[in-house]
């Protein structure tokens, strides 16, 4: 499943590409498919490497407005590159 999709387990995400499921304990209600990153090139198209407070650096879904994000998430700026991404909101 692509970055930003809801998940319950790492296996719900693109495991062969290093996909992980960030869960509610990490601040992501209903789970959030992602992958660890160190730089922009580590993330798939449509996502960006962002500093997730207390968790590490992960790919977050890019957005240009609230309607780009799934329910319970909002489009806001922050992270390494100061670009808008879908984050819990």
C-alpha atoms as a PDB file:
ATOM      1  CA  UNK A   1       0.000   0.000   0.000  1.00  0.00           C
ATOM      2  CA  UNK A   2       1.263   3.502  -0.745  1.00  0.00           C
ATOM      3  CA  UNK A   3       2.621   5.976   1.808  1.00  0.00           C
ATOM      4  CA  UNK A   4      -0.189   7.504   3.875  1.00  0.00           C
ATOM      5  CA  UNK A   5      -2.562   4.554   3.615  1.00  0.00           C
ATOM      6  CA  UNK A   6      -4.103   3.259   6.846  1.00  0.00           C
ATOM      7  CA  UNK A   7      -2.651   0.026   8.241  1.00  0.00           C
ATOM      8  CA  UNK A   8      -2.577  -2.237  11.282  1.00  0.00           C
ATOM      9  CA  UNK A   9       0.700  -4.106  10.691  1.00  0.00           C
ATOM     10  CA  UNK A  10       3.953  -3.638   8.768  1.00  0.00           C
ATOM     11  CA  UNK A  11       2.731  -6.386   6.440  1.00  0.00           C
ATOM     12  CA  UNK A  12      -0.112  -4.128   5.292  1.00  0.00           C
ATOM     13  CA  UNK A  13       2.469  -1.783   3.736  1.00  0.00           C
ATOM     14  CA  UNK A  14       5.048  -2.268   0.955  1.00  0.00           C
ATOM     15  CA  UNK A  15       7.349  -4.545   2.986  1.00  0.00           C
ATOM     16  CA  UNK A  16       9.540  -5.455   0.008  1.00  0.00           C
ATOM     17  CA  UNK A  17      10.349  -1.735  -0.278  1.00  0.00           C
ATOM     18  CA  UNK A  18      10.995  -1.281   3.457  1.00  0.00           C
ATOM     19  CA  UNK A  19       7.405  -0.314   4.293  1.00  0.00           C
ATOM     20  CA  UNK A  20       6.390   0.027   7.936  1.00  0.00           C
ATOM     21  CA  UNK A  21       3.129   0.813   9.691  1.00  0.00           C
ATOM     22  CA  UNK A  22       3.418   3.786  12.045  1.00  0.00           C
ATOM     23  CA  UNK A  23       0.755   3.176  14.693  1.00  0.00           C
ATOM     24  CA  UNK A  24      -1.340   5.165  17.189  1.00  0.00           C
ATOM     25  CA  UNK A  25       1.372   4.770  19.844  1.00  0.00           C
ATOM     26  CA  UNK A  26       3.678   6.694  17.488  1.00  0.00           C
ATOM     27  CA  UNK A  27       0.992   9.350  16.944  1.00  0.00           C
ATOM     28  CA  UNK A  28      -0.705   8.000  13.792  1.00  0.00           C
ATOM     29  CA  UNK A  29      -4.378   7.074  14.378  1.00  0.00           C
ATOM     30  CA  UNK A  30      -5.563   4.076  12.313  1.00  0.00           C
ATOM     31  CA  UNK A  31      -1.937   3.481  11.247  1.00  0.00           C
ATOM     32  CA  UNK A  32       0.086   5.140   8.489  1.00  0.00           C
ATOM     33  CA  UNK A  33       2.077   3.242   5.849  1.00  0.00           C
ATOM     34  CA  UNK A  34       5.540   4.732   5.508  1.00  0.00           C
ATOM     35  CA  UNK A  35       9.220   3.844   5.287  1.00  0.00           C
ATOM     36  CA  UNK A  36      12.300   5.080   7.119  1.00  0.00           C
ATOM     37  CA  UNK A  37      14.379   7.691   5.265  1.00  0.00           C
ATOM     38  CA  UNK A  38      17.459   9.867   5.532  1.00  0.00           C
ATOM     39  CA  UNK A  39      16.940  12.049   2.463  1.00  0.00           C
ATOM     40  CA  UNK A  40      14.277  12.875  -0.133  1.00  0.00           C
ATOM     41  CA  UNK A  41      15.549  10.238  -2.577  1.00  0.00           C
ATOM     42  CA  UNK A  42      14.678   7.485  -0.058  1.00  0.00           C
ATOM     43  CA  UNK A  43      10.939   8.161  -0.458  1.00  0.00           C
ATOM     44  CA  UNK A  44       8.618   7.053  -3.263  1.00  0.00           C
ATOM     45  CA  UNK A  45       7.026   9.534  -5.659  1.00  0.00           C
ATOM     46  CA  UNK A  46       4.303  11.540  -3.909  1.00  0.00           C
ATOM     47  CA  UNK A  47       5.969  11.488  -0.496  1.00  0.00           C
ATOM     48  CA  UNK A  48       8.782  13.309   1.310  1.00  0.00           C
ATOM     49  CA  UNK A  49      11.257  12.539   4.068  1.00  0.00           C
ATOM     50  CA  UNK A  50      10.122  14.259   7.255  1.00  0.00           C
ATOM     51  CA  UNK A  51      11.242  14.323  10.883  1.00  0.00           C
ATOM     52  CA  UNK A  52       8.528  12.626  12.943  1.00  0.00           C
ATOM     53  CA  UNK A  53       9.014  13.898  16.499  1.00  0.00           C
ATOM     54  CA  UNK A  54      10.159  11.182  18.873  1.00  0.00           C
ATOM     55  CA  UNK A  55      10.043   8.476  16.199  1.00  0.00           C
ATOM     56  CA  UNK A  56      12.675   9.273  13.541  1.00  0.00           C
ATOM     57  CA  UNK A  57      12.633  10.243   9.873  1.00  0.00           C
ATOM     58  CA  UNK A  58       9.890   8.738   7.722  1.00  0.00           C
ATOM     59  CA  UNK A  59       8.293   9.306   4.340  1.00  0.00           C
ATOM     60  CA  UNK A  60       5.022  11.245   4.628  1.00  0.00           C
ATOM     61  CA  UNK A  61       2.428  11.740   1.901  1.00  0.00           C
ATOM     62  CA  UNK A  62       2.706  15.071   0.048  1.00  0.00           C
ATOM     63  CA  UNK A  63      -0.354  17.316  -0.187  1.00  0.00           C
ATOM     64  CA  UNK A  64      -1.465  20.730  -1.398  1.00  0.00           C
ATOM     65  CA  UNK A  65      -4.623  21.068   0.712  1.00  0.00           C
ATOM     66  CA  UNK A  66      -6.842  19.331   3.285  1.00  0.00           C
ATOM     67  CA  UNK A  67      -8.795  17.358   0.670  1.00  0.00           C
ATOM     68  CA  UNK A  68      -5.578  15.540  -0.345  1.00  0.00           C
ATOM     69  CA  UNK A  69      -5.407  13.759   3.030  1.00  0.00           C
ATOM     70  CA  UNK A  70      -7.507  10.936   4.416  1.00  0.00           C
ATOM     71  CA  UNK A  71     -10.037  11.607   7.231  1.00  0.00           C
ATOM     72  CA  UNK A  72      -8.355  12.419  10.551  1.00  0.00           C
ATOM     73  CA  UNK A  73      -5.263  13.832   8.839  1.00  0.00           C
ATOM     74  CA  UNK A  74      -4.470  17.373   7.771  1.00  0.00           C
ATOM     75  CA  UNK A  75      -2.129  18.990   5.265  1.00  0.00           C
ATOM     76  CA  UNK A  76       0.532  20.912   7.188  1.00  0.00           C
ATOM     77  CA  UNK A  77       4.126  22.043   6.726  1.00  0.00           C
ATOM     78  CA  UNK A  78       7.085  20.812   8.716  1.00  0.00           C
ATOM     79  CA  UNK A  79      10.034  18.470   8.616  1.00  0.00           C
ATOM     80  CA  UNK A  80      13.448  18.610   6.998  1.00  0.00           C
ATOM     81  CA  UNK A  81      12.402  20.368   3.787  1.00  0.00           C
ATOM     82  CA  UNK A  82       9.490  22.542   4.963  1.00  0.00           C
ATOM     83  CA  UNK A  83       6.914  21.172   2.537  1.00  0.00           C
ATOM     84  CA  UNK A  84       3.277  20.241   3.132  1.00  0.00           C
ATOM     85  CA  UNK A  85       2.572  16.616   4.094  1.00  0.00           C
ATOM     86  CA  UNK A  86      -0.443  14.695   5.428  1.00  0.00           C
ATOM     87  CA  UNK A  87      -0.045  14.459   9.202  1.00  0.00           C
ATOM     88  CA  UNK A  88      -2.383  13.504  12.067  1.00  0.00           C
ATOM     89  CA  UNK A  89      -4.617  16.410  12.815  1.00  0.00           C
END
